[in-house]
Amino acid sequence: MPSSPSSSPSSSPPPSSPPPSPASQNAPSPKSSSVSDGQWFPPEWPERIRALAAGELTPVTPRTAATVMLLRDTPRGPAVHMLRRRTSMAFAGGAYAYPGGSVDPRDARGTDGAGPTSGEWAQRLGTDEASARSIVSAAVRETFEESGVLLAGPDPESVVADTTGDDWEADRAALVARELSFADFLDRRGLVLRGDLLGAWARWITPEFETRRYDTYFFVAALPVGQRTRNASTEADRTVWVRPAEAAAGYDRGELLMMPPTIATLRGLAPYATVADTLAAAAGRDLTPVIARARLDDDGRIELSWPGHDEFTKRIDPA
């Protein structure tokens, strides 16, 4: 989600503290959407699905995007950093999500950084080398823009320990405003992008009948020692560290609003006892794109499904 330089830092609890529960922070349902349990469901989908089936709707080309699930260990297991989109947002207002956003064309610039090469990332992500470099750079850049956490360091073995000073905030603001490219930012500060700290976790593509479409790569990463998250995005009104199982339970109770990719990735994180276990599991994750399918039966009823994720299947009767 693009952010703005106008937001001020807000402290996170120290990593040893148990994550706060968002269950009492009920996310109000946005006026422009419907909710089944905690799932975001736009009311215009049925009409657009029928238009697509009739050949009256041309799908929008999805924009490539990246999002990062920042993790930290707590005495009760890993916690993940989430933010809540402002209820005034046209797209998924009130929904909980992770830091992330669209690839900037300039993200392809620069060197490979530490860890996998562009070729290795291309093989892992199922794309060409330039696109792979852009996706990884966007993941690190968007995380810094939206949470203040920077996965980069002065050499391939280290990570910046603190990014809370005024000079860091000025650079973050320049990145958000697209006045500064991420490659130039790293070069100017003498930093190496730590792509090796990222683990590719999942890939979801917005349905063909949506007005805004994204081809989003989800990554996991550990919160670097010494760094702190903050709500650096004006698109978010709340941030929280929460155990994945706890957030998923809030969704199941209808208390936390989430889109299918968010709750699906949360459920995928829940089984792991430590952040290290989660990162180790990333290498074996299937990155086959998940995209919704819509089938129209003879009675005009819509069956909407996401392959491999039966909990999201919906049947919509004709209006």
C-alpha atoms as a PDB file:
ATOM      1  CA  MET A   1       0.000   0.000   0.000  1.00  0.00           C
ATOM      2  CA  PRO A   2       1.530   3.364  -0.935  1.00  0.00           C
ATOM      3  CA  SER A   3       2.172   5.432   2.138  1.00  0.00           C
ATOM      4  CA  SER A   4       2.762   9.067   2.937  1.00  0.00           C
ATOM      5  CA  PRO A   5       5.614  10.917   4.608  1.00  0.00           C
ATOM      6  CA  SER A   6       3.234  12.760   6.928  1.00  0.00           C
ATOM      7  CA  SER A   7       2.700   9.975   9.438  1.00  0.00           C
ATOM      8  CA  SER A   8       4.632   9.961  12.691  1.00  0.00           C
ATOM      9  CA  PRO A   9       6.394   6.959  14.246  1.00  0.00           C
ATOM     10  CA  SER A  10       4.582   4.899  16.861  1.00  0.00           C
ATOM     11  CA  SER A  11       6.519   2.550  19.113  1.00  0.00           C
ATOM     12  CA  SER A  12       6.056  -1.209  19.079  1.00  0.00           C
ATOM     13  CA  PRO A  13       6.280  -3.323  22.226  1.00  0.00           C
ATOM     14  CA  PRO A  14       9.689  -4.951  22.714  1.00  0.00           C
ATOM     15  CA  PRO A  15      10.031  -8.320  20.956  1.00  0.00           C
ATOM     16  CA  SER A  16       9.908 -10.173  24.274  1.00  0.00           C
ATOM     17  CA  SER A  17       6.409  -8.887  25.068  1.00  0.00           C
ATOM     18  CA  PRO A  18       3.364 -10.959  24.159  1.00  0.00           C
ATOM     19  CA  PRO A  19       1.594  -9.501  21.124  1.00  0.00           C
ATOM     20  CA  PRO A  20      -1.547  -7.484  21.798  1.00  0.00           C
ATOM     21  CA  SER A  21      -4.782  -9.126  20.740  1.00  0.00           C
ATOM     22  CA  PRO A  22      -6.788  -7.305  18.078  1.00  0.00           C
ATOM     23  CA  ALA A  23      -9.920  -9.243  19.002  1.00  0.00           C
ATOM     24  CA  SER A  24     -11.246  -6.320  21.016  1.00  0.00           C
ATOM     25  CA  GLN A  25     -10.417  -3.884  18.203  1.00  0.00           C
ATOM     26  CA  ASN A  26     -13.305  -4.840  15.947  1.00  0.00           C
ATOM     27  CA  ALA A  27     -12.821  -3.715  12.383  1.00  0.00           C
ATOM     28  CA  PRO A  28     -16.017  -2.041  11.176  1.00  0.00           C
ATOM     29  CA  SER A  29     -17.387  -3.299   7.904  1.00  0.00           C
ATOM     30  CA  PRO A  30     -16.823  -0.745   5.136  1.00  0.00           C
ATOM     31  CA  LYS A  31     -19.993   0.627   3.604  1.00  0.00           C
ATOM     32  CA  SER A  32     -18.858  -0.411   0.153  1.00  0.00           C
ATOM     33  CA  SER A  33     -18.475  -4.121   0.916  1.00  0.00           C
ATOM     34  CA  SER A  34     -20.225  -7.157   2.318  1.00  0.00           C
ATOM     35  CA  VAL A  35     -18.863  -9.424   5.019  1.00  0.00           C
ATOM     36  CA  SER A  36     -19.195 -13.179   5.466  1.00  0.00           C
ATOM     37  CA  ASP A  37     -17.486 -14.088   8.753  1.00  0.00           C
ATOM     38  CA  GLY A  38     -14.561 -11.660   8.505  1.00  0.00           C
ATOM     39  CA  GLN A  39     -14.083 -11.855   4.751  1.00  0.00           C
ATOM     40  CA  TRP A  40     -14.185  -8.792   2.568  1.00  0.00           C
ATOM     41  CA  PHE A  41     -16.685  -9.258  -0.275  1.00  0.00           C
ATOM     42  CA  PRO A  42     -17.445  -6.381  -2.684  1.00  0.00           C
ATOM     43  CA  PRO A  43     -21.149  -6.119  -3.597  1.00  0.00           C
ATOM     44  CA  GLU A  44     -20.342  -5.285  -7.225  1.00  0.00           C
ATOM     45  CA  TRP A  45     -18.709  -8.667  -7.851  1.00  0.00           C
ATOM     46  CA  PRO A  46     -21.876 -10.536  -9.005  1.00  0.00           C
ATOM     47  CA  GLU A  47     -22.615  -7.949 -11.685  1.00  0.00           C
ATOM     48  CA  ARG A  48     -19.020  -7.908 -12.883  1.00  0.00           C
ATOM     49  CA  ILE A  49     -18.810 -11.717 -12.870  1.00  0.00           C
ATOM     50  CA  ARG A  50     -21.894 -11.946 -15.062  1.00  0.00           C
ATOM     51  CA  ALA A  51     -20.498  -9.274 -17.385  1.00  0.00           C
ATOM     52  CA  LEU A  52     -17.224 -11.175 -17.690  1.00  0.00           C
ATOM     53  CA  ALA A  53     -19.087 -14.422 -18.469  1.00  0.00           C
ATOM     54  CA  ALA A  54     -21.091 -12.614 -21.156  1.00  0.00           C
ATOM     55  CA  GLY A  55     -17.966 -11.218 -22.789  1.00  0.00           C
ATOM     56  CA  GLU A  56     -18.930  -7.683 -21.819  1.00  0.00           C
ATOM     57  CA  LEU A  57     -15.998  -7.094 -19.488  1.00  0.00           C
ATOM     58  CA  THR A  58     -12.318  -6.967 -20.370  1.00  0.00           C
ATOM     59  CA  PRO A  59     -10.116  -7.971 -17.410  1.00  0.00           C
ATOM     60  CA  VAL A  60      -7.698  -5.353 -16.147  1.00  0.00           C
ATOM     61  CA  THR A  61      -4.037  -6.336 -16.405  1.00  0.00           C
ATOM     62  CA  PRO A  62      -2.773  -6.994 -12.859  1.00  0.00           C
ATOM     63  CA  ARG A  63       0.038  -4.871 -11.469  1.00  0.00           C
ATOM     64  CA  THR A  64       2.953  -6.767  -9.943  1.00  0.00           C
ATOM     65  CA  ALA A  65       3.176  -6.249  -6.196  1.00  0.00           C
ATOM     66  CA  ALA A  66       5.010  -7.557  -3.148  1.00  0.00           C
ATOM     67  CA  THR A  67       4.079  -7.789   0.512  1.00  0.00           C
ATOM     68  CA  VAL A  68       6.072  -8.901   3.541  1.00  0.00           C
ATOM     69  CA  MET A  69       4.901 -10.717   6.657  1.00  0.00           C
ATOM     70  CA  LEU A  70       7.307  -9.464   9.313  1.00  0.00           C
ATOM     71  CA  LEU A  71       7.716 -11.955  12.150  1.00  0.00           C
ATOM     72  CA  ARG A  72       9.190 -11.921  15.637  1.00  0.00           C
ATOM     73  CA  ASP A  73       9.403 -14.577  18.337  1.00  0.00           C
ATOM     74  CA  THR A  74       7.383 -14.259  21.532  1.00  0.00           C
ATOM     75  CA  PRO A  75       7.016 -16.647  24.502  1.00  0.00           C
ATOM     76  CA  ARG A  76       3.789 -17.911  22.926  1.00  0.00           C
ATOM     77  CA  GLY A  77       5.177 -18.388  19.438  1.00  0.00           C
ATOM     78  CA  PRO A  78       5.779 -16.146  16.419  1.00  0.00           C
ATOM     79  CA  ALA A  79       3.823 -12.924  16.016  1.00  0.00           C
ATOM     80  CA  VAL A  80       3.199 -11.193  12.700  1.00  0.00           C
ATOM     81  CA  HIS A  81       3.017  -7.466  12.047  1.00  0.00           C
ATOM     82  CA  MET A  82      -0.320  -6.362  10.564  1.00  0.00           C
ATOM     83  CA  LEU A  83      -1.902  -3.055   9.724  1.00  0.00           C
ATOM     84  CA  ARG A  84      -5.533  -2.071   9.284  1.00  0.00           C
ATOM     85  CA  ARG A  85      -6.516  -0.138   6.192  1.00  0.00           C
ATOM     86  CA  ARG A  86      -8.482   3.006   6.924  1.00  0.00           C
ATOM     87  CA  THR A  87     -12.226   2.481   6.627  1.00  0.00           C
ATOM     88  CA  SER A  88     -12.342   5.402   4.189  1.00  0.00           C
ATOM     89  CA  MET A  89     -10.233   3.498   1.644  1.00  0.00           C
ATOM     90  CA  ALA A  90     -12.077   2.595  -1.558  1.00  0.00           C
ATOM     91  CA  PHE A  91     -10.297  -0.750  -1.769  1.00  0.00           C
ATOM     92  CA  ALA A  92     -10.737  -3.097   1.221  1.00  0.00           C
ATOM     93  CA  GLY A  93     -11.321  -0.319   3.738  1.00  0.00           C
ATOM     94  CA  GLY A  94     -11.160  -1.622   7.306  1.00  0.00           C
ATOM     95  CA  ALA A  95      -9.374  -4.829   6.301  1.00  0.00           C
ATOM     96  CA  TYR A  96      -6.245  -6.080   8.043  1.00  0.00           C
ATOM     97  CA  ALA A  97      -3.235  -6.635   5.772  1.00  0.00           C
ATOM     98  CA  TYR A  98       0.576  -6.605   5.697  1.00  0.00           C
ATOM     99  CA  PRO A  99       3.005  -3.909   4.524  1.00  0.00           C
ATOM    100  CA  GLY A 100       3.333  -4.005   0.754  1.00  0.00           C
ATOM    101  CA  GLY A 101       2.510  -2.406  -2.557  1.00  0.00           C
ATOM    102  CA  SER A 102       3.109  -2.221  -6.270  1.00  0.00           C
ATOM    103  CA  VAL A 103       6.469  -2.585  -7.969  1.00  0.00           C
ATOM    104  CA  ASP A 104       8.077   0.711  -9.008  1.00  0.00           C
ATOM    105  CA  PRO A 105       9.623   0.479 -12.520  1.00  0.00           C
ATOM    106  CA  ARG A 106      12.896   1.674 -10.977  1.00  0.00           C
ATOM    107  CA  ASP A 107      12.982  -1.283  -8.573  1.00  0.00           C
ATOM    108  CA  ALA A 108      14.748  -3.343 -11.256  1.00  0.00           C
ATOM    109  CA  ARG A 109      17.825  -1.133 -11.002  1.00  0.00           C
ATOM    110  CA  GLY A 110      20.871  -1.997  -8.917  1.00  0.00           C
ATOM    111  CA  THR A 111      22.753  -5.134  -8.037  1.00  0.00           C
ATOM    112  CA  ASP A 112      21.547  -8.466  -6.744  1.00  0.00           C
ATOM    113  CA  GLY A 113      22.468  -7.657  -3.136  1.00  0.00           C
ATOM    114  CA  ALA A 114      23.093 -10.379  -0.577  1.00  0.00           C
ATOM    115  CA  GLY A 115      21.719 -13.876  -0.962  1.00  0.00           C
ATOM    116  CA  PRO A 116      20.120 -15.411  -4.058  1.00  0.00           C
ATOM    117  CA  THR A 117      21.061 -13.973  -7.427  1.00  0.00           C
ATOM    118  CA  SER A 118      18.474 -12.527  -9.796  1.00  0.00           C
ATOM    119  CA  GLY A 119      18.586 -15.789 -11.700  1.00  0.00           C
ATOM    120  CA  GLU A 120      17.901 -17.815  -8.580  1.00  0.00           C
ATOM    121  CA  TRP A 121      15.072 -15.511  -7.580  1.00  0.00           C
ATOM    122  CA  ALA A 122      13.658 -15.715 -11.101  1.00  0.00           C
ATOM    123  CA  GLN A 123      13.538 -19.495 -10.854  1.00  0.00           C
ATOM    124  CA  ARG A 124      11.929 -19.358  -7.413  1.00  0.00           C
ATOM    125  CA  LEU A 125       9.340 -16.724  -8.350  1.00  0.00           C
ATOM    126  CA  GLY A 126       8.587 -18.117 -11.801  1.00  0.00           C
ATOM    127  CA  THR A 127       9.501 -14.984 -13.733  1.00  0.00           C
ATOM    128  CA  ASP A 128      12.392 -13.356 -15.620  1.00  0.00           C
ATOM    129  CA  GLU A 129      15.453 -11.925 -13.901  1.00  0.00           C
ATOM    130  CA  ALA A 130      14.540  -8.240 -14.214  1.00  0.00           C
ATOM    131  CA  SER A 131      11.072  -8.885 -12.826  1.00  0.00           C
ATOM    132  CA  ALA A 132      12.466 -10.998 -10.005  1.00  0.00           C
ATOM    133  CA  ARG A 133      14.908  -8.241  -9.042  1.00  0.00           C
ATOM    134  CA  SER A 134      12.033  -5.725  -9.100  1.00  0.00           C
ATOM    135  CA  ILE A 135       9.813  -7.900  -6.904  1.00  0.00           C
ATOM    136  CA  VAL A 136      12.480  -8.493  -4.259  1.00  0.00           C
ATOM    137  CA  SER A 137      13.462  -4.805  -4.235  1.00  0.00           C
ATOM    138  CA  ALA A 138       9.804  -3.772  -3.987  1.00  0.00           C
ATOM    139  CA  ALA A 139       9.293  -6.117  -1.032  1.00  0.00           C
ATOM    140  CA  VAL A 140      12.154  -4.503   0.894  1.00  0.00           C
ATOM    141  CA  ARG A 141      11.291  -0.954  -0.205  1.00  0.00           C
ATOM    142  CA  GLU A 142       7.576  -1.205   0.647  1.00  0.00           C
ATOM    143  CA  THR A 143       8.359  -2.699   4.047  1.00  0.00           C
ATOM    144  CA  PHE A 144      10.562   0.284   4.834  1.00  0.00           C
ATOM    145  CA  GLU A 145       8.024   2.753   3.474  1.00  0.00           C
ATOM    146  CA  GLU A 146       5.083   1.330   5.428  1.00  0.00           C
ATOM    147  CA  SER A 147       6.626   0.035   8.646  1.00  0.00           C
ATOM    148  CA  GLY A 148      10.035   1.729   8.946  1.00  0.00           C
ATOM    149  CA  VAL A 149      11.797  -1.656   8.908  1.00  0.00           C
ATOM    150  CA  LEU A 150      14.719  -1.925   6.501  1.00  0.00           C
ATOM    151  CA  LEU A 151      16.132  -5.276   5.343  1.00  0.00           C
ATOM    152  CA  ALA A 152      19.517  -3.891   4.325  1.00  0.00           C
ATOM    153  CA  GLY A 153      22.899  -3.410   5.901  1.00  0.00           C
ATOM    154  CA  PRO A 154      26.409  -2.020   5.322  1.00  0.00           C
ATOM    155  CA  ASP A 155      27.610  -5.458   4.220  1.00  0.00           C
ATOM    156  CA  PRO A 156      26.102  -8.853   3.286  1.00  0.00           C
ATOM    157  CA  GLU A 157      26.360 -10.079   6.884  1.00  0.00           C
ATOM    158  CA  SER A 158      24.730  -7.214   8.785  1.00  0.00           C
ATOM    159  CA  VAL A 159      21.503  -5.227   9.033  1.00  0.00           C
ATOM    160  CA  VAL A 160      20.915  -1.595   9.935  1.00  0.00           C
ATOM    161  CA  ALA A 161      20.174  -1.464  13.661  1.00  0.00           C
ATOM    162  CA  ASP A 162      18.067   1.704  13.835  1.00  0.00           C
ATOM    163  CA  THR A 163      16.016   3.606  11.245  1.00  0.00           C
ATOM    164  CA  THR A 164      14.160   6.051  13.520  1.00  0.00           C
ATOM    165  CA  GLY A 165      16.210   9.246  13.040  1.00  0.00           C
ATOM    166  CA  ASP A 166      15.061  12.330  11.161  1.00  0.00           C
ATOM    167  CA  ASP A 167      17.474  11.610   8.314  1.00  0.00           C
ATOM    168  CA  TRP A 168      15.965   8.141   7.851  1.00  0.00           C
ATOM    169  CA  GLU A 169      12.472   9.602   7.894  1.00  0.00           C
ATOM    170  CA  ALA A 170      13.450  12.157   5.235  1.00  0.00           C
ATOM    171  CA  ASP A 171      14.719   9.360   2.992  1.00  0.00           C
ATOM    172  CA  ARG A 172      11.598   7.289   3.615  1.00  0.00           C
ATOM    173  CA  ALA A 173       9.435  10.271   2.677  1.00  0.00           C
ATOM    174  CA  ALA A 174      11.433  10.762  -0.522  1.00  0.00           C
ATOM    175  CA  LEU A 175      10.940   7.105  -1.433  1.00  0.00           C
ATOM    176  CA  VAL A 176       7.192   7.359  -0.828  1.00  0.00           C
ATOM    177  CA  ALA A 177       6.973  10.485  -2.980  1.00  0.00           C
ATOM    178  CA  ARG A 178       9.000   8.715  -5.694  1.00  0.00           C
ATOM    179  CA  GLU A 179      11.554  11.521  -5.502  1.00  0.00           C
ATOM    180  CA  LEU A 180      14.233   8.923  -4.776  1.00  0.00           C
ATOM    181  CA  SER A 181      14.674   5.456  -6.242  1.00  0.00           C
ATOM    182  CA  PHE A 182      15.384   2.581  -3.890  1.00  0.00           C
ATOM    183  CA  ALA A 183      18.648   1.789  -5.681  1.00  0.00           C
ATOM    184  CA  ASP A 184      19.851   5.380  -5.254  1.00  0.00           C
ATOM    185  CA  PHE A 185      18.808   5.319  -1.602  1.00  0.00           C
ATOM    186  CA  LEU A 186      20.869   2.186  -0.950  1.00  0.00           C
ATOM    187  CA  ASP A 187      23.841   3.495  -2.932  1.00  0.00           C
ATOM    188  CA  ARG A 188      23.854   6.842  -1.153  1.00  0.00           C
ATOM    189  CA  ARG A 189      23.868   5.166   2.248  1.00  0.00           C
ATOM    190  CA  GLY A 190      26.315   2.446   1.229  1.00  0.00           C
ATOM    191  CA  LEU A 191      23.836  -0.342   1.991  1.00  0.00           C
ATOM    192  CA  VAL A 192      23.409  -3.841   0.616  1.00  0.00           C
ATOM    193  CA  LEU A 193      19.895  -5.146   0.038  1.00  0.00           C
ATOM    194  CA  ARG A 194      19.460  -8.276   2.183  1.00  0.00           C
ATOM    195  CA  GLY A 195      17.328 -10.380  -0.122  1.00  0.00           C
ATOM    196  CA  ASP A 196      18.592 -13.431   1.734  1.00  0.00           C
ATOM    197  CA  LEU A 197      16.423 -12.404   4.694  1.00  0.00           C
ATOM    198  CA  LEU A 198      13.270 -12.910   2.623  1.00  0.00           C
ATOM    199  CA  GLY A 199      11.488 -16.204   2.116  1.00  0.00           C
ATOM    200  CA  ALA A 200       8.955 -16.450  -0.735  1.00  0.00           C
ATOM    201  CA  TRP A 201       5.711 -17.744   0.772  1.00  0.00           C
ATOM    202  CA  ALA A 202       2.769 -17.448  -1.636  1.00  0.00           C
ATOM    203  CA  ARG A 203       1.456 -15.772  -4.764  1.00  0.00           C
ATOM    204  CA  TRP A 204      -2.094 -14.514  -5.235  1.00  0.00           C
ATOM    205  CA  ILE A 205      -3.619 -12.784  -8.251  1.00  0.00           C
ATOM    206  CA  THR A 206      -6.701 -10.598  -7.900  1.00  0.00           C
ATOM    207  CA  PRO A 207      -9.735 -12.097  -9.704  1.00  0.00           C
ATOM    208  CA  GLU A 208     -10.304 -11.135 -13.336  1.00  0.00           C
ATOM    209  CA  PHE A 209     -13.574  -9.410 -12.472  1.00  0.00           C
ATOM    210  CA  GLU A 210     -11.996  -6.950 -10.023  1.00  0.00           C
ATOM    211  CA  THR A 211     -11.504  -3.276 -10.957  1.00  0.00           C
ATOM    212  CA  ARG A 212      -8.093  -3.140  -9.251  1.00  0.00           C
ATOM    213  CA  ARG A 213      -5.911  -6.167  -9.896  1.00  0.00           C
ATOM    214  CA  TYR A 214      -2.574  -7.188  -8.414  1.00  0.00           C
ATOM    215  CA  ASP A 215      -0.220 -10.114  -8.949  1.00  0.00           C
ATOM    216  CA  THR A 216       1.140 -10.221  -5.422  1.00  0.00           C
ATOM    217  CA  TYR A 217       4.108 -12.148  -4.084  1.00  0.00           C
ATOM    218  CA  PHE A 218       4.025 -12.775  -0.328  1.00  0.00           C
ATOM    219  CA  PHE A 219       7.284 -13.051   1.604  1.00  0.00           C
ATOM    220  CA  VAL A 220       8.218 -13.817   5.213  1.00  0.00           C
ATOM    221  CA  ALA A 221      11.051 -12.103   7.074  1.00  0.00           C
ATOM    222  CA  ALA A 222      12.234 -11.768  10.655  1.00  0.00           C
ATOM    223  CA  LEU A 223      12.170  -8.354  12.309  1.00  0.00           C
ATOM    224  CA  PRO A 224      15.865  -7.318  12.445  1.00  0.00           C
ATOM    225  CA  VAL A 225      17.387  -6.992  15.903  1.00  0.00           C
ATOM    226  CA  GLY A 226      17.247  -3.391  17.113  1.00  0.00           C
ATOM    227  CA  GLN A 227      14.645  -2.221  14.596  1.00  0.00           C
ATOM    228  CA  ARG A 228      11.085  -1.266  15.522  1.00  0.00           C
ATOM    229  CA  THR A 229       7.920  -1.182  13.473  1.00  0.00           C
ATOM    230  CA  ARG A 230       5.769   1.920  13.307  1.00  0.00           C
ATOM    231  CA  ASN A 231       2.670   2.974  11.427  1.00  0.00           C
ATOM    232  CA  ALA A 232       4.343   4.866   8.622  1.00  0.00           C
ATOM    233  CA  SER A 233       1.427   4.583   6.178  1.00  0.00           C
ATOM    234  CA  THR A 234      -1.418   7.074   5.942  1.00  0.00           C
ATOM    235  CA  GLU A 235      -3.486   4.270   4.388  1.00  0.00           C
ATOM    236  CA  ALA A 236      -3.509   2.495   7.768  1.00  0.00           C
ATOM    237  CA  ASP A 237      -5.127   3.622  11.014  1.00  0.00           C
ATOM    238  CA  ARG A 238      -3.798   0.835  13.238  1.00  0.00           C
ATOM    239  CA  THR A 239      -0.902  -1.594  13.478  1.00  0.00           C
ATOM    240  CA  VAL A 240      -0.603  -4.675  15.671  1.00  0.00           C
ATOM    241  CA  TRP A 241       1.711  -7.563  16.457  1.00  0.00           C
ATOM    242  CA  VAL A 242      -0.417 -10.691  16.791  1.00  0.00           C
ATOM    243  CA  ARG A 243       0.011 -14.436  16.701  1.00  0.00           C
ATOM    244  CA  PRO A 244      -1.353 -15.804  13.391  1.00  0.00           C
ATOM    245  CA  ALA A 245      -3.717 -18.243  15.135  1.00  0.00           C
ATOM    246  CA  GLU A 246      -5.097 -15.432  17.277  1.00  0.00           C
ATOM    247  CA  ALA A 247      -5.737 -13.190  14.258  1.00  0.00           C
ATOM    248  CA  ALA A 248      -7.335 -16.086  12.375  1.00  0.00           C
ATOM    249  CA  ALA A 249      -9.644 -16.710  15.334  1.00  0.00           C
ATOM    250  CA  GLY A 250     -10.689 -13.058  15.220  1.00  0.00           C
ATOM    251  CA  TYR A 251     -11.501 -13.462  11.548  1.00  0.00           C
ATOM    252  CA  ASP A 252     -13.507 -16.640  12.225  1.00  0.00           C
ATOM    253  CA  ARG A 253     -15.568 -14.758  14.821  1.00  0.00           C
ATOM    254  CA  GLY A 254     -16.259 -11.987  12.321  1.00  0.00           C
ATOM    255  CA  GLU A 255     -14.293  -9.474  14.372  1.00  0.00           C
ATOM    256  CA  LEU A 256     -11.375  -8.886  12.001  1.00  0.00           C
ATOM    257  CA  LEU A 257     -11.930  -8.106   8.353  1.00  0.00           C
ATOM    258  CA  MET A 258      -9.511  -9.698   5.865  1.00  0.00           C
ATOM    259  CA  MET A 259      -9.310 -10.550   2.196  1.00  0.00           C
ATOM    260  CA  PRO A 260      -8.763 -14.207   1.221  1.00  0.00           C
ATOM    261  CA  PRO A 261      -4.982 -13.917   0.640  1.00  0.00           C
ATOM    262  CA  THR A 262      -4.469 -12.430   4.094  1.00  0.00           C
ATOM    263  CA  ILE A 263      -6.384 -15.026   6.083  1.00  0.00           C
ATOM    264  CA  ALA A 264      -4.994 -17.852   3.932  1.00  0.00           C
ATOM    265  CA  THR A 265      -1.394 -16.794   4.569  1.00  0.00           C
ATOM    266  CA  LEU A 266      -2.143 -16.327   8.285  1.00  0.00           C
ATOM    267  CA  ARG A 267      -3.403 -19.889   8.513  1.00  0.00           C
ATOM    268  CA  GLY A 268      -0.234 -21.016   6.733  1.00  0.00           C
ATOM    269  CA  LEU A 269       1.937 -19.323   9.358  1.00  0.00           C
ATOM    270  CA  ALA A 270       0.074 -20.694  12.372  1.00  0.00           C
ATOM    271  CA  PRO A 271       1.661 -24.184  12.660  1.00  0.00           C
ATOM    272  CA  TYR A 272       5.245 -22.971  13.179  1.00  0.00           C
ATOM    273  CA  ALA A 273       6.717 -22.744  16.682  1.00  0.00           C
ATOM    274  CA  THR A 274       9.487 -20.236  15.902  1.00  0.00           C
ATOM    275  CA  VAL A 275      10.380 -17.617  13.330  1.00  0.00           C
ATOM    276  CA  ALA A 276      13.354 -19.764  12.290  1.00  0.00           C
ATOM    277  CA  ASP A 277      11.011 -22.686  11.597  1.00  0.00           C
ATOM    278  CA  THR A 278       8.805 -20.436   9.475  1.00  0.00           C
ATOM    279  CA  LEU A 279      11.707 -19.109   7.432  1.00  0.00           C
ATOM    280  CA  ALA A 280      13.043 -22.630   6.899  1.00  0.00           C
ATOM    281  CA  ALA A 281       9.640 -23.750   5.615  1.00  0.00           C
ATOM    282  CA  ALA A 282       9.526 -20.971   3.009  1.00  0.00           C
ATOM    283  CA  ALA A 283      11.851 -22.821   0.635  1.00  0.00           C
ATOM    284  CA  GLY A 284       9.310 -25.599   0.195  1.00  0.00           C
ATOM    285  CA  ARG A 285       6.262 -23.416  -0.287  1.00  0.00           C
ATOM    286  CA  ASP A 286       4.250 -23.764  -3.507  1.00  0.00           C
ATOM    287  CA  LEU A 287       4.190 -20.467  -5.434  1.00  0.00           C
ATOM    288  CA  THR A 288       1.598 -21.542  -7.986  1.00  0.00           C
ATOM    289  CA  PRO A 289      -0.609 -18.444  -8.370  1.00  0.00           C
ATOM    290  CA  VAL A 290      -3.949 -18.584  -6.594  1.00  0.00           C
ATOM    291  CA  ILE A 291      -6.738 -16.859  -8.528  1.00  0.00           C
ATOM    292  CA  ALA A 292     -10.481 -17.011  -7.999  1.00  0.00           C
ATOM    293  CA  ARG A 293     -12.717 -18.897 -10.417  1.00  0.00           C
ATOM    294  CA  ALA A 294     -16.328 -17.926 -11.057  1.00  0.00           C
ATOM    295  CA  ARG A 295     -18.818 -20.366 -12.574  1.00  0.00           C
ATOM    296  CA  LEU A 296     -22.304 -19.395 -13.703  1.00  0.00           C
ATOM    297  CA  ASP A 297     -24.870 -22.216 -13.655  1.00  0.00           C
ATOM    298  CA  ASP A 298     -28.010 -22.560 -15.806  1.00  0.00           C
ATOM    299  CA  ASP A 299     -30.119 -20.832 -13.147  1.00  0.00           C
ATOM    300  CA  GLY A 300     -27.874 -17.791 -13.072  1.00  0.00           C
ATOM    301  CA  ARG A 301     -26.344 -18.664  -9.726  1.00  0.00           C
ATOM    302  CA  ILE A 302     -22.659 -17.878  -9.268  1.00  0.00           C
ATOM    303  CA  GLU A 303     -20.190 -20.234  -7.627  1.00  0.00           C
ATOM    304  CA  LEU A 304     -17.063 -18.387  -6.623  1.00  0.00           C
ATOM    305  CA  SER A 305     -14.026 -20.393  -5.517  1.00  0.00           C
ATOM    306  CA  TRP A 306     -10.295 -20.163  -4.898  1.00  0.00           C
ATOM    307  CA  PRO A 307      -8.526 -23.428  -5.871  1.00  0.00           C
ATOM    308  CA  GLY A 308      -7.046 -25.093  -2.824  1.00  0.00           C
ATOM    309  CA  HIS A 309      -8.943 -22.846  -0.413  1.00  0.00           C
ATOM    310  CA  ASP A 310     -12.416 -24.268   0.025  1.00  0.00           C
ATOM    311  CA  GLU A 311     -13.289 -21.984   2.932  1.00  0.00           C
ATOM    312  CA  PHE A 312     -13.714 -19.080   0.517  1.00  0.00           C
ATOM    313  CA  THR A 313     -16.200 -20.810  -1.799  1.00  0.00           C
ATOM    314  CA  LYS A 314     -19.354 -18.745  -2.151  1.00  0.00           C
ATOM    315  CA  ARG A 315     -22.627 -19.347  -3.940  1.00  0.00           C
ATOM    316  CA  ILE A 316     -24.457 -16.224  -4.951  1.00  0.00           C
ATOM    317  CA  ASP A 317     -28.113 -16.385  -6.009  1.00  0.00           C
ATOM    318  CA  PRO A 318     -29.404 -14.180  -8.833  1.00  0.00           C
ATOM    319  CA  ALA A 319     -30.502 -10.741  -7.642  1.00  0.00           C
END
